[in-house]
Amino acid sequence: MVEKPDIGTSGSQQEHAAIISHELKSWFVREVLPLETILMQFLRHSWRHAEDIDDICQDVYIRVFEAAQKQIPSPTKPFVFAVARNLLIDRYRHNRIVPIDGVPDLAAVNVASDDPGPDRGTIARNELRLLRDAFGRLPPRCREVLVLKRIENRSRREIAVRLGISENTVKQHLVEATRRLADMLYGEDVSTKS
């Protein structure tokens, strides 16, 4: 940032303020206004409501000018775009806030609940029943390997040692159990298959 030029101590306060104001306005016209074209492109690209773009641009100018009254930024372009970006973020956050006092009766809003409805409970129970039935129809060794792997989270090596079979056999049982479950739940009935 570049500090405001030191005008000196001679003259009245009004003359001093007028000179600073003139310097500030000259800086604004010389450095900020030429950025308007690319600033507008940036705003159009970054904000989804085209009707707000002119207002946002004016707000950017106001914030830049107010900041420059304290200290003139240097370089100007990155400062202007940082202000624009921050303003867009502020507006986005503001648009996401819903005032709680704007809705006198929250029950009247009829907002969907996160709790599952009775239909979801019924569907879940049916799915669990189907899975339990399909699980019960698996060959005993496939079911045992699948329980150790998927429910008890054991490694193939641990399962092989515990059951006294090779890791390759564990893998084959897992593949067979998974295939049979998928067929029973989503495909053809494997009760006729061997």
N, C-alpha and C. Protein backbone atom coordinates (compact mmCIF):
# COMPACT_ATOMS: atom_id res chain seq x y z
N MET A 1 0.83 -1.16 0.00
CA MET A 1 0.00 0.00 0.00
C MET A 1 0.89 1.24 0.00
N VAL A 2 0.44 2.25 -0.66
CA VAL A 2 1.17 3.51 -0.73
C VAL A 2 0.45 4.50 0.16
N GLU A 3 1.19 5.17 1.01
CA GLU A 3 0.56 6.15 1.88
C GLU A 3 0.16 7.37 1.09
N LYS A 4 -0.80 8.10 1.64
CA LYS A 4 -1.24 9.34 1.00
C LYS A 4 -0.07 10.32 0.97
N PRO A 5 -0.01 11.13 -0.05
CA PRO A 5 1.09 12.08 -0.13
C PRO A 5 1.05 13.06 1.02
N ASP A 6 2.23 13.39 1.52
CA ASP A 6 2.34 14.37 2.60
C ASP A 6 2.23 15.75 1.99
N ILE A 7 1.17 16.44 2.34
CA ILE A 7 0.90 17.74 1.74
C ILE A 7 1.63 18.85 2.50
N GLY A 8 2.03 18.56 3.72
CA GLY A 8 2.70 19.59 4.52
C GLY A 8 1.75 20.13 5.57
N THR A 9 2.24 21.01 6.41
CA THR A 9 1.42 21.52 7.49
C THR A 9 0.92 22.92 7.23
N SER A 10 1.30 23.52 6.12
CA SER A 10 0.86 24.89 5.85
C SER A 10 -0.55 24.88 5.28
N GLY A 11 -1.29 25.93 5.50
CA GLY A 11 -2.65 26.04 4.98
C GLY A 11 -3.65 25.51 5.98
N SER A 12 -4.90 25.76 5.66
CA SER A 12 -5.96 25.34 6.57
C SER A 12 -6.26 23.85 6.40
N GLN A 13 -7.00 23.32 7.34
CA GLN A 13 -7.39 21.90 7.30
C GLN A 13 -8.26 21.63 6.07
N GLN A 14 -9.09 22.56 5.69
CA GLN A 14 -9.97 22.37 4.53
C GLN A 14 -9.16 22.29 3.24
N GLU A 15 -8.16 23.12 3.10
CA GLU A 15 -7.31 23.05 1.92
C GLU A 15 -6.58 21.71 1.87
N HIS A 16 -6.09 21.29 3.01
CA HIS A 16 -5.38 20.00 3.12
C HIS A 16 -6.32 18.86 2.71
N ALA A 17 -7.54 18.86 3.24
CA ALA A 17 -8.51 17.82 2.91
C ALA A 17 -8.88 17.87 1.43
N ALA A 18 -9.00 19.07 0.87
CA ALA A 18 -9.35 19.21 -0.54
C ALA A 18 -8.25 18.66 -1.43
N ILE A 19 -6.99 18.91 -1.07
CA ILE A 19 -5.87 18.39 -1.86
C ILE A 19 -5.83 16.87 -1.79
N ILE A 20 -6.01 16.31 -0.58
CA ILE A 20 -6.02 14.85 -0.42
C ILE A 20 -7.18 14.26 -1.21
N SER A 21 -8.35 14.89 -1.10
CA SER A 21 -9.52 14.40 -1.82
C SER A 21 -9.28 14.44 -3.33
N HIS A 22 -8.65 15.50 -3.82
CA HIS A 22 -8.34 15.61 -5.24
C HIS A 22 -7.34 14.51 -5.65
N GLU A 23 -6.31 14.28 -4.85
CA GLU A 23 -5.32 13.23 -5.15
C GLU A 23 -6.00 11.86 -5.18
N LEU A 24 -6.88 11.63 -4.21
CA LEU A 24 -7.59 10.35 -4.11
C LEU A 24 -8.49 10.14 -5.32
N LYS A 25 -9.21 11.17 -5.69
CA LYS A 25 -10.10 11.07 -6.85
C LYS A 25 -9.29 10.85 -8.13
N SER A 26 -8.18 11.55 -8.26
CA SER A 26 -7.32 11.36 -9.44
C SER A 26 -6.80 9.93 -9.50
N TRP A 27 -6.36 9.42 -8.35
CA TRP A 27 -5.89 8.02 -8.29
C TRP A 27 -7.00 7.07 -8.70
N PHE A 28 -8.19 7.28 -8.19
CA PHE A 28 -9.32 6.41 -8.47
C PHE A 28 -9.63 6.39 -9.97
N VAL A 29 -9.68 7.57 -10.58
CA VAL A 29 -9.98 7.68 -12.01
C VAL A 29 -8.85 7.06 -12.84
N ARG A 30 -7.63 7.29 -12.43
CA ARG A 30 -6.47 6.82 -13.18
C ARG A 30 -6.22 5.31 -13.01
N GLU A 31 -6.43 4.78 -11.80
CA GLU A 31 -6.04 3.39 -11.50
C GLU A 31 -7.20 2.40 -11.43
N VAL A 32 -8.33 2.82 -10.88
CA VAL A 32 -9.43 1.88 -10.62
C VAL A 32 -10.42 1.81 -11.78
N LEU A 33 -10.89 2.95 -12.25
CA LEU A 33 -11.91 2.94 -13.30
C LEU A 33 -11.49 2.21 -14.57
N PRO A 34 -10.22 2.26 -15.00
CA PRO A 34 -9.84 1.49 -16.19
C PRO A 34 -9.99 -0.03 -16.01
N LEU A 35 -10.13 -0.49 -14.78
CA LEU A 35 -10.29 -1.93 -14.53
C LEU A 35 -11.74 -2.39 -14.65
N GLU A 36 -12.65 -1.46 -14.95
CA GLU A 36 -14.07 -1.78 -14.94
C GLU A 36 -14.44 -2.92 -15.89
N THR A 37 -13.88 -2.95 -17.07
CA THR A 37 -14.24 -3.99 -18.04
C THR A 37 -13.90 -5.38 -17.51
N ILE A 38 -12.68 -5.55 -17.02
CA ILE A 38 -12.31 -6.89 -16.53
C ILE A 38 -12.98 -7.19 -15.19
N LEU A 39 -13.24 -6.14 -14.41
CA LEU A 39 -13.97 -6.34 -13.16
C LEU A 39 -15.38 -6.85 -13.45
N MET A 40 -16.05 -6.25 -14.40
CA MET A 40 -17.40 -6.69 -14.76
C MET A 40 -17.40 -8.12 -15.31
N GLN A 41 -16.39 -8.46 -16.10
CA GLN A 41 -16.27 -9.84 -16.59
C GLN A 41 -16.12 -10.80 -15.42
N PHE A 42 -15.27 -10.45 -14.48
CA PHE A 42 -15.06 -11.27 -13.30
C PHE A 42 -16.36 -11.44 -12.52
N LEU A 43 -17.08 -10.36 -12.32
CA LEU A 43 -18.33 -10.42 -11.56
C LEU A 43 -19.38 -11.25 -12.29
N ARG A 44 -19.49 -11.08 -13.62
CA ARG A 44 -20.45 -11.88 -14.39
C ARG A 44 -20.12 -13.35 -14.31
N HIS A 45 -18.85 -13.66 -14.33
CA HIS A 45 -18.41 -15.06 -14.27
C HIS A 45 -18.62 -15.65 -12.88
N SER A 46 -18.51 -14.83 -11.84
CA SER A 46 -18.51 -15.32 -10.48
C SER A 46 -19.86 -15.26 -9.78
N TRP A 47 -20.80 -14.48 -10.29
CA TRP A 47 -22.09 -14.29 -9.61
C TRP A 47 -23.21 -14.75 -10.51
N ARG A 48 -24.11 -15.54 -9.99
CA ARG A 48 -25.15 -16.15 -10.83
C ARG A 48 -26.34 -15.25 -11.13
N HIS A 49 -26.50 -14.16 -10.40
CA HIS A 49 -27.65 -13.27 -10.63
C HIS A 49 -27.19 -12.03 -11.40
N ALA A 50 -27.44 -12.03 -12.69
CA ALA A 50 -26.96 -10.95 -13.55
C ALA A 50 -27.52 -9.59 -13.15
N GLU A 51 -28.71 -9.59 -12.56
CA GLU A 51 -29.32 -8.31 -12.19
C GLU A 51 -28.59 -7.62 -11.04
N ASP A 52 -27.73 -8.34 -10.33
CA ASP A 52 -26.98 -7.77 -9.20
C ASP A 52 -25.61 -7.22 -9.59
N ILE A 53 -25.15 -7.49 -10.78
CA ILE A 53 -23.76 -7.19 -11.15
C ILE A 53 -23.43 -5.70 -11.03
N ASP A 54 -24.29 -4.83 -11.54
CA ASP A 54 -24.00 -3.39 -11.46
C ASP A 54 -23.91 -2.92 -10.01
N ASP A 55 -24.82 -3.41 -9.17
CA ASP A 55 -24.79 -3.02 -7.76
C ASP A 55 -23.52 -3.52 -7.08
N ILE A 56 -23.13 -4.74 -7.41
CA ILE A 56 -21.91 -5.29 -6.80
C ILE A 56 -20.69 -4.48 -7.23
N CYS A 57 -20.65 -4.11 -8.49
CA CYS A 57 -19.53 -3.30 -8.99
C CYS A 57 -19.46 -1.98 -8.23
N GLN A 58 -20.60 -1.34 -8.02
CA GLN A 58 -20.62 -0.08 -7.27
C GLN A 58 -20.16 -0.29 -5.83
N ASP A 59 -20.57 -1.42 -5.23
CA ASP A 59 -20.14 -1.73 -3.87
C ASP A 59 -18.62 -1.93 -3.81
N VAL A 60 -18.07 -2.55 -4.85
CA VAL A 60 -16.61 -2.72 -4.92
C VAL A 60 -15.95 -1.35 -4.96
N TYR A 61 -16.45 -0.47 -5.80
CA TYR A 61 -15.88 0.88 -5.90
C TYR A 61 -15.94 1.60 -4.55
N ILE A 62 -17.06 1.48 -3.86
CA ILE A 62 -17.20 2.15 -2.56
C ILE A 62 -16.18 1.61 -1.57
N ARG A 63 -16.05 0.29 -1.51
CA ARG A 63 -15.10 -0.30 -0.55
C ARG A 63 -13.66 0.08 -0.89
N VAL A 64 -13.34 0.07 -2.18
CA VAL A 64 -11.98 0.44 -2.60
C VAL A 64 -11.71 1.89 -2.24
N PHE A 65 -12.65 2.77 -2.53
CA PHE A 65 -12.47 4.20 -2.26
C PHE A 65 -12.34 4.45 -0.76
N GLU A 66 -13.18 3.78 0.03
CA GLU A 66 -13.11 3.97 1.49
C GLU A 66 -11.77 3.47 2.04
N ALA A 67 -11.30 2.35 1.54
CA ALA A 67 -10.00 1.84 1.98
C ALA A 67 -8.88 2.78 1.56
N ALA A 68 -9.00 3.35 0.36
CA ALA A 68 -7.96 4.26 -0.15
C ALA A 68 -7.93 5.57 0.62
N GLN A 69 -9.01 5.92 1.28
CA GLN A 69 -9.00 7.13 2.09
C GLN A 69 -8.04 6.99 3.26
N LYS A 70 -7.85 5.78 3.72
CA LYS A 70 -6.89 5.53 4.80
C LYS A 70 -5.48 5.38 4.24
N GLN A 71 -5.38 4.60 3.16
CA GLN A 71 -4.08 4.36 2.53
C GLN A 71 -4.31 3.88 1.10
N ILE A 72 -3.71 4.52 0.15
CA ILE A 72 -3.88 4.16 -1.26
C ILE A 72 -3.15 2.84 -1.52
N PRO A 73 -3.88 1.85 -2.03
CA PRO A 73 -3.26 0.55 -2.25
C PRO A 73 -2.33 0.55 -3.46
N SER A 74 -1.28 -0.21 -3.33
CA SER A 74 -0.37 -0.39 -4.45
C SER A 74 0.16 -1.82 -4.39
N PRO A 75 0.00 -2.60 -5.40
CA PRO A 75 -0.62 -2.32 -6.69
C PRO A 75 -2.15 -2.32 -6.57
N THR A 76 -2.77 -1.64 -7.47
CA THR A 76 -4.21 -1.41 -7.40
C THR A 76 -5.03 -2.62 -7.86
N LYS A 77 -4.66 -3.21 -8.98
CA LYS A 77 -5.49 -4.27 -9.58
C LYS A 77 -5.72 -5.44 -8.62
N PRO A 78 -4.68 -6.03 -8.00
CA PRO A 78 -4.94 -7.14 -7.08
C PRO A 78 -5.83 -6.73 -5.91
N PHE A 79 -5.65 -5.50 -5.45
CA PHE A 79 -6.47 -5.01 -4.34
C PHE A 79 -7.95 -4.94 -4.74
N VAL A 80 -8.22 -4.40 -5.92
CA VAL A 80 -9.61 -4.27 -6.39
C VAL A 80 -10.24 -5.66 -6.52
N PHE A 81 -9.52 -6.61 -7.06
CA PHE A 81 -10.09 -7.95 -7.23
C PHE A 81 -10.22 -8.70 -5.91
N ALA A 82 -9.35 -8.42 -4.96
CA ALA A 82 -9.51 -9.01 -3.63
C ALA A 82 -10.76 -8.46 -2.96
N VAL A 83 -10.99 -7.17 -3.11
CA VAL A 83 -12.21 -6.56 -2.57
C VAL A 83 -13.43 -7.18 -3.24
N ALA A 84 -13.39 -7.33 -4.55
CA ALA A 84 -14.53 -7.91 -5.27
C ALA A 84 -14.79 -9.34 -4.81
N ARG A 85 -13.75 -10.12 -4.69
CA ARG A 85 -13.89 -11.51 -4.24
C ARG A 85 -14.49 -11.56 -2.84
N ASN A 86 -13.98 -10.74 -1.93
CA ASN A 86 -14.49 -10.73 -0.57
C ASN A 86 -15.94 -10.27 -0.51
N LEU A 87 -16.29 -9.31 -1.34
CA LEU A 87 -17.67 -8.85 -1.39
C LEU A 87 -18.60 -9.96 -1.89
N LEU A 88 -18.17 -10.70 -2.89
CA LEU A 88 -18.98 -11.82 -3.39
C LEU A 88 -19.15 -12.88 -2.31
N ILE A 89 -18.10 -13.15 -1.58
CA ILE A 89 -18.19 -14.13 -0.49
C ILE A 89 -19.18 -13.65 0.57
N ASP A 90 -19.09 -12.38 0.93
CA ASP A 90 -20.03 -11.81 1.91
C ASP A 90 -21.47 -11.93 1.43
N ARG A 91 -21.69 -11.60 0.17
CA ARG A 91 -23.06 -11.68 -0.38
C ARG A 91 -23.55 -13.11 -0.42
N TYR A 92 -22.67 -14.03 -0.79
CA TYR A 92 -23.07 -15.44 -0.83
C TYR A 92 -23.47 -15.91 0.57
N ARG A 93 -22.66 -15.59 1.56
CA ARG A 93 -22.98 -15.98 2.94
C ARG A 93 -24.30 -15.34 3.39
N HIS A 94 -24.48 -14.08 3.06
CA HIS A 94 -25.70 -13.38 3.45
C HIS A 94 -26.93 -14.02 2.80
N ASN A 95 -26.83 -14.42 1.56
CA ASN A 95 -27.96 -15.02 0.85
C ASN A 95 -28.32 -16.39 1.41
N ARG A 96 -27.36 -17.07 2.02
CA ARG A 96 -27.62 -18.39 2.58
C ARG A 96 -28.30 -18.33 3.94
N ILE A 97 -28.26 -17.19 4.60
CA ILE A 97 -28.83 -17.06 5.93
C ILE A 97 -30.32 -16.82 5.81
N VAL A 98 -31.09 -17.61 6.53
CA VAL A 98 -32.53 -17.43 6.58
C VAL A 98 -32.86 -16.93 7.98
N PRO A 99 -33.43 -15.74 8.07
CA PRO A 99 -33.72 -15.21 9.40
C PRO A 99 -34.78 -16.06 10.11
N ILE A 100 -34.49 -16.45 11.34
CA ILE A 100 -35.41 -17.30 12.08
C ILE A 100 -36.70 -16.57 12.42
N ASP A 101 -36.63 -15.25 12.59
CA ASP A 101 -37.84 -14.50 12.90
C ASP A 101 -38.71 -14.28 11.66
N GLY A 102 -38.22 -14.64 10.50
CA GLY A 102 -38.99 -14.51 9.27
C GLY A 102 -40.07 -15.57 9.15
N VAL A 103 -39.98 -16.62 9.95
CA VAL A 103 -40.96 -17.70 9.93
C VAL A 103 -41.56 -17.80 11.32
N PRO A 104 -42.78 -17.28 11.51
CA PRO A 104 -43.36 -17.27 12.85
C PRO A 104 -43.68 -18.66 13.38
N ASP A 105 -44.11 -19.58 12.52
CA ASP A 105 -44.47 -20.92 12.95
C ASP A 105 -43.67 -21.92 12.13
N LEU A 106 -42.60 -22.44 12.73
CA LEU A 106 -41.72 -23.36 11.99
C LEU A 106 -42.44 -24.63 11.57
N ALA A 107 -43.43 -25.06 12.33
CA ALA A 107 -44.17 -26.27 11.97
C ALA A 107 -44.97 -26.04 10.69
N ALA A 108 -45.38 -24.80 10.44
CA ALA A 108 -46.18 -24.49 9.25
C ALA A 108 -45.35 -24.53 7.98
N VAL A 109 -44.03 -24.48 8.12
CA VAL A 109 -43.17 -24.48 6.95
C VAL A 109 -43.22 -25.83 6.24
N ASN A 110 -43.49 -26.88 6.98
CA ASN A 110 -43.58 -28.22 6.44
C ASN A 110 -42.25 -28.65 5.81
N VAL A 111 -41.18 -28.51 6.56
CA VAL A 111 -39.86 -28.90 6.11
C VAL A 111 -39.73 -30.41 6.28
N ALA A 112 -39.15 -31.06 5.31
CA ALA A 112 -38.98 -32.51 5.37
C ALA A 112 -38.06 -32.88 6.54
N SER A 113 -38.44 -33.89 7.24
CA SER A 113 -37.67 -34.35 8.39
C SER A 113 -36.56 -35.28 7.93
N ASP A 114 -35.48 -35.30 8.71
CA ASP A 114 -34.39 -36.23 8.41
C ASP A 114 -34.72 -37.64 8.88
N ASP A 115 -35.73 -37.76 9.74
CA ASP A 115 -36.11 -39.08 10.24
C ASP A 115 -36.76 -39.87 9.11
N PRO A 116 -36.43 -41.16 9.03
CA PRO A 116 -37.05 -41.98 7.98
C PRO A 116 -38.54 -42.15 8.27
N GLY A 117 -39.30 -42.12 7.22
CA GLY A 117 -40.75 -42.28 7.35
C GLY A 117 -41.10 -43.75 7.54
N PRO A 118 -42.37 -44.03 7.75
CA PRO A 118 -42.79 -45.42 7.96
C PRO A 118 -42.52 -46.29 6.75
N ASP A 119 -42.59 -45.72 5.56
CA ASP A 119 -42.31 -46.50 4.36
C ASP A 119 -40.85 -46.95 4.31
N ARG A 120 -39.92 -46.06 4.73
CA ARG A 120 -38.49 -46.43 4.74
C ARG A 120 -38.23 -47.54 5.75
N GLY A 121 -38.91 -47.49 6.88
CA GLY A 121 -38.75 -48.53 7.89
C GLY A 121 -39.23 -49.87 7.37
N THR A 122 -40.38 -49.86 6.70
CA THR A 122 -40.93 -51.10 6.14
C THR A 122 -40.01 -51.65 5.06
N ILE A 123 -39.51 -50.78 4.20
CA ILE A 123 -38.60 -51.22 3.13
C ILE A 123 -37.32 -51.79 3.73
N ALA A 124 -36.78 -51.12 4.75
CA ALA A 124 -35.54 -51.60 5.38
C ALA A 124 -35.77 -52.97 6.03
N ARG A 125 -36.90 -53.14 6.73
CA ARG A 125 -37.17 -54.45 7.35
C ARG A 125 -37.30 -55.54 6.29
N ASN A 126 -37.97 -55.22 5.17
CA ASN A 126 -38.10 -56.21 4.09
C ASN A 126 -36.74 -56.58 3.51
N GLU A 127 -35.89 -55.56 3.32
CA GLU A 127 -34.55 -55.82 2.77
C GLU A 127 -33.74 -56.68 3.73
N LEU A 128 -33.83 -56.41 5.03
CA LEU A 128 -33.11 -57.22 6.02
C LEU A 128 -33.63 -58.66 6.04
N ARG A 129 -34.94 -58.82 5.93
CA ARG A 129 -35.51 -60.16 5.90
C ARG A 129 -35.02 -60.93 4.68
N LEU A 130 -35.02 -60.26 3.51
CA LEU A 130 -34.52 -60.91 2.29
C LEU A 130 -33.04 -61.28 2.42
N LEU A 131 -32.25 -60.38 3.01
CA LEU A 131 -30.83 -60.66 3.18
C LEU A 131 -30.63 -61.82 4.15
N ARG A 132 -31.38 -61.83 5.25
CA ARG A 132 -31.26 -62.93 6.22
C ARG A 132 -31.63 -64.26 5.56
N ASP A 133 -32.72 -64.27 4.79
CA ASP A 133 -33.13 -65.49 4.11
C ASP A 133 -32.08 -65.95 3.10
N ALA A 134 -31.54 -65.00 2.32
CA ALA A 134 -30.51 -65.34 1.34
C ALA A 134 -29.26 -65.83 2.04
N PHE A 135 -28.90 -65.20 3.14
CA PHE A 135 -27.72 -65.61 3.91
C PHE A 135 -27.89 -67.03 4.41
N GLY A 136 -29.11 -67.36 4.86
CA GLY A 136 -29.39 -68.70 5.36
C GLY A 136 -29.33 -69.77 4.28
N ARG A 137 -29.50 -69.38 3.04
CA ARG A 137 -29.47 -70.34 1.93
C ARG A 137 -28.06 -70.57 1.38
N LEU A 138 -27.09 -69.84 1.90
CA LEU A 138 -25.71 -70.05 1.45
C LEU A 138 -25.19 -71.38 1.97
N PRO A 139 -24.27 -72.01 1.23
CA PRO A 139 -23.61 -73.20 1.77
C PRO A 139 -22.90 -72.84 3.08
N PRO A 140 -22.89 -73.75 4.06
CA PRO A 140 -22.36 -73.43 5.40
C PRO A 140 -20.94 -72.85 5.39
N ARG A 141 -20.03 -73.40 4.61
CA ARG A 141 -18.65 -72.92 4.63
C ARG A 141 -18.56 -71.52 4.02
N CYS A 142 -19.31 -71.26 2.94
CA CYS A 142 -19.33 -69.92 2.33
C CYS A 142 -19.88 -68.91 3.33
N ARG A 143 -20.97 -69.29 4.03
CA ARG A 143 -21.57 -68.39 5.02
C ARG A 143 -20.57 -68.10 6.14
N GLU A 144 -19.87 -69.12 6.62
CA GLU A 144 -18.91 -68.94 7.70
C GLU A 144 -17.77 -68.01 7.28
N VAL A 145 -17.24 -68.20 6.07
CA VAL A 145 -16.16 -67.34 5.57
C VAL A 145 -16.65 -65.90 5.41
N LEU A 146 -17.86 -65.74 4.88
CA LEU A 146 -18.41 -64.40 4.67
C LEU A 146 -18.63 -63.67 6.01
N VAL A 147 -19.10 -64.39 7.01
CA VAL A 147 -19.28 -63.78 8.34
C VAL A 147 -17.94 -63.33 8.90
N LEU A 148 -16.94 -64.19 8.80
CA LEU A 148 -15.62 -63.83 9.34
C LEU A 148 -15.02 -62.62 8.60
N LYS A 149 -15.23 -62.56 7.29
CA LYS A 149 -14.63 -61.48 6.50
C LYS A 149 -15.42 -60.18 6.62
N ARG A 150 -16.72 -60.21 6.38
CA ARG A 150 -17.52 -58.98 6.28
C ARG A 150 -18.08 -58.50 7.61
N ILE A 151 -18.35 -59.40 8.53
CA ILE A 151 -18.94 -58.98 9.79
C ILE A 151 -17.87 -58.83 10.88
N GLU A 152 -16.99 -59.81 10.97
CA GLU A 152 -15.92 -59.75 11.99
C GLU A 152 -14.67 -59.03 11.46
N ASN A 153 -14.65 -58.70 10.18
CA ASN A 153 -13.57 -57.93 9.56
C ASN A 153 -12.20 -58.60 9.72
N ARG A 154 -12.17 -59.90 9.52
CA ARG A 154 -10.92 -60.67 9.60
C ARG A 154 -10.22 -60.67 8.25
N SER A 155 -8.91 -60.81 8.27
CA SER A 155 -8.14 -60.90 7.02
C SER A 155 -8.27 -62.32 6.46
N ARG A 156 -7.94 -62.47 5.21
CA ARG A 156 -7.98 -63.80 4.60
C ARG A 156 -7.04 -64.75 5.32
N ARG A 157 -5.89 -64.26 5.71
CA ARG A 157 -4.92 -65.10 6.41
C ARG A 157 -5.49 -65.59 7.73
N GLU A 158 -6.13 -64.68 8.49
CA GLU A 158 -6.73 -65.07 9.77
C GLU A 158 -7.83 -66.11 9.58
N ILE A 159 -8.63 -65.92 8.55
CA ILE A 159 -9.72 -66.86 8.28
C ILE A 159 -9.15 -68.22 7.90
N ALA A 160 -8.12 -68.21 7.06
CA ALA A 160 -7.50 -69.47 6.63
C ALA A 160 -6.94 -70.23 7.82
N VAL A 161 -6.26 -69.55 8.71
CA VAL A 161 -5.69 -70.21 9.89
C VAL A 161 -6.80 -70.74 10.79
N ARG A 162 -7.82 -69.93 11.02
CA ARG A 162 -8.91 -70.32 11.91
C ARG A 162 -9.68 -71.52 11.40
N LEU A 163 -9.90 -71.59 10.06
CA LEU A 163 -10.68 -72.68 9.48
C LEU A 163 -9.82 -73.84 8.97
N GLY A 164 -8.50 -73.63 8.98
CA GLY A 164 -7.60 -74.69 8.52
C GLY A 164 -7.67 -74.93 7.03
N ILE A 165 -7.85 -73.84 6.27
CA ILE A 165 -7.88 -73.95 4.80
C ILE A 165 -6.89 -72.93 4.23
N SER A 166 -6.64 -73.02 2.93
CA SER A 166 -5.70 -72.09 2.31
C SER A 166 -6.35 -70.73 2.06
N GLU A 167 -5.51 -69.71 1.91
CA GLU A 167 -6.02 -68.37 1.61
C GLU A 167 -6.75 -68.36 0.27
N ASN A 168 -6.28 -69.15 -0.68
CA ASN A 168 -6.93 -69.23 -1.98
C ASN A 168 -8.35 -69.81 -1.84
N THR A 169 -8.50 -70.78 -0.97
CA THR A 169 -9.82 -71.36 -0.73
C THR A 169 -10.74 -70.34 -0.06
N VAL A 170 -10.18 -69.55 0.85
CA VAL A 170 -10.96 -68.48 1.48
C VAL A 170 -11.47 -67.53 0.40
N LYS A 171 -10.58 -67.16 -0.51
CA LYS A 171 -10.96 -66.25 -1.60
C LYS A 171 -12.07 -66.86 -2.44
N GLN A 172 -11.95 -68.15 -2.77
CA GLN A 172 -12.98 -68.81 -3.59
C GLN A 172 -14.33 -68.84 -2.87
N HIS A 173 -14.32 -69.10 -1.54
CA HIS A 173 -15.56 -69.09 -0.77
C HIS A 173 -16.19 -67.69 -0.76
N LEU A 174 -15.37 -66.66 -0.62
CA LEU A 174 -15.88 -65.28 -0.62
C LEU A 174 -16.52 -64.94 -1.97
N VAL A 175 -15.83 -65.31 -3.05
CA VAL A 175 -16.36 -65.03 -4.38
C VAL A 175 -17.67 -65.79 -4.58
N GLU A 176 -17.71 -67.03 -4.18
CA GLU A 176 -18.92 -67.84 -4.34
C GLU A 176 -20.07 -67.29 -3.50
N ALA A 177 -19.78 -66.93 -2.25
CA ALA A 177 -20.82 -66.39 -1.37
C ALA A 177 -21.36 -65.08 -1.91
N THR A 178 -20.48 -64.21 -2.37
CA THR A 178 -20.90 -62.91 -2.91
C THR A 178 -21.73 -63.10 -4.17
N ARG A 179 -21.30 -63.99 -5.05
CA ARG A 179 -22.05 -64.25 -6.28
C ARG A 179 -23.43 -64.80 -5.98
N ARG A 180 -23.51 -65.76 -5.05
CA ARG A 180 -24.80 -66.36 -4.71
C ARG A 180 -25.74 -65.32 -4.07
N LEU A 181 -25.21 -64.51 -3.16
CA LEU A 181 -26.04 -63.47 -2.54
C LEU A 181 -26.56 -62.49 -3.59
N ALA A 182 -25.68 -62.08 -4.50
CA ALA A 182 -26.10 -61.15 -5.55
C ALA A 182 -27.17 -61.78 -6.42
N ASP A 183 -27.00 -63.04 -6.76
CA ASP A 183 -28.01 -63.72 -7.58
C ASP A 183 -29.34 -63.84 -6.85
N MET A 184 -29.27 -64.18 -5.55
CA MET A 184 -30.52 -64.35 -4.80
C MET A 184 -31.23 -63.01 -4.57
N LEU A 185 -30.46 -61.97 -4.34
CA LEU A 185 -31.07 -60.68 -4.03
C LEU A 185 -31.44 -59.88 -5.26
N TYR A 186 -30.63 -59.99 -6.32
CA TYR A 186 -30.82 -59.10 -7.47
C TYR A 186 -31.03 -59.83 -8.78
N GLY A 187 -30.87 -61.13 -8.78
CA GLY A 187 -30.93 -61.82 -10.07
C GLY A 187 -31.75 -63.07 -9.98
N GLU A 188 -31.28 -64.08 -10.67
CA GLU A 188 -32.00 -65.32 -10.74
C GLU A 188 -31.85 -66.12 -9.45
N ASP A 189 -32.77 -67.01 -9.21
CA ASP A 189 -32.74 -67.86 -8.02
C ASP A 189 -31.72 -68.97 -8.25
N VAL A 190 -30.80 -69.14 -7.30
CA VAL A 190 -29.74 -70.13 -7.47
C VAL A 190 -30.06 -71.43 -6.74
N SER A 191 -31.28 -71.56 -6.22
CA SER A 191 -31.62 -72.78 -5.46
C SER A 191 -31.60 -74.01 -6.36
N THR A 192 -31.80 -73.81 -7.66
CA THR A 192 -31.78 -74.92 -8.59
C THR A 192 -30.37 -75.22 -9.06
N LYS A 193 -29.44 -74.21 -8.85
CA LYS A 193 -28.05 -74.43 -9.25
C LYS A 193 -27.39 -75.30 -8.24
N SER A 194 -26.35 -75.92 -8.66
CA SER A 194 -25.66 -76.76 -7.75
C SER A 194 -24.95 -76.23 -6.70
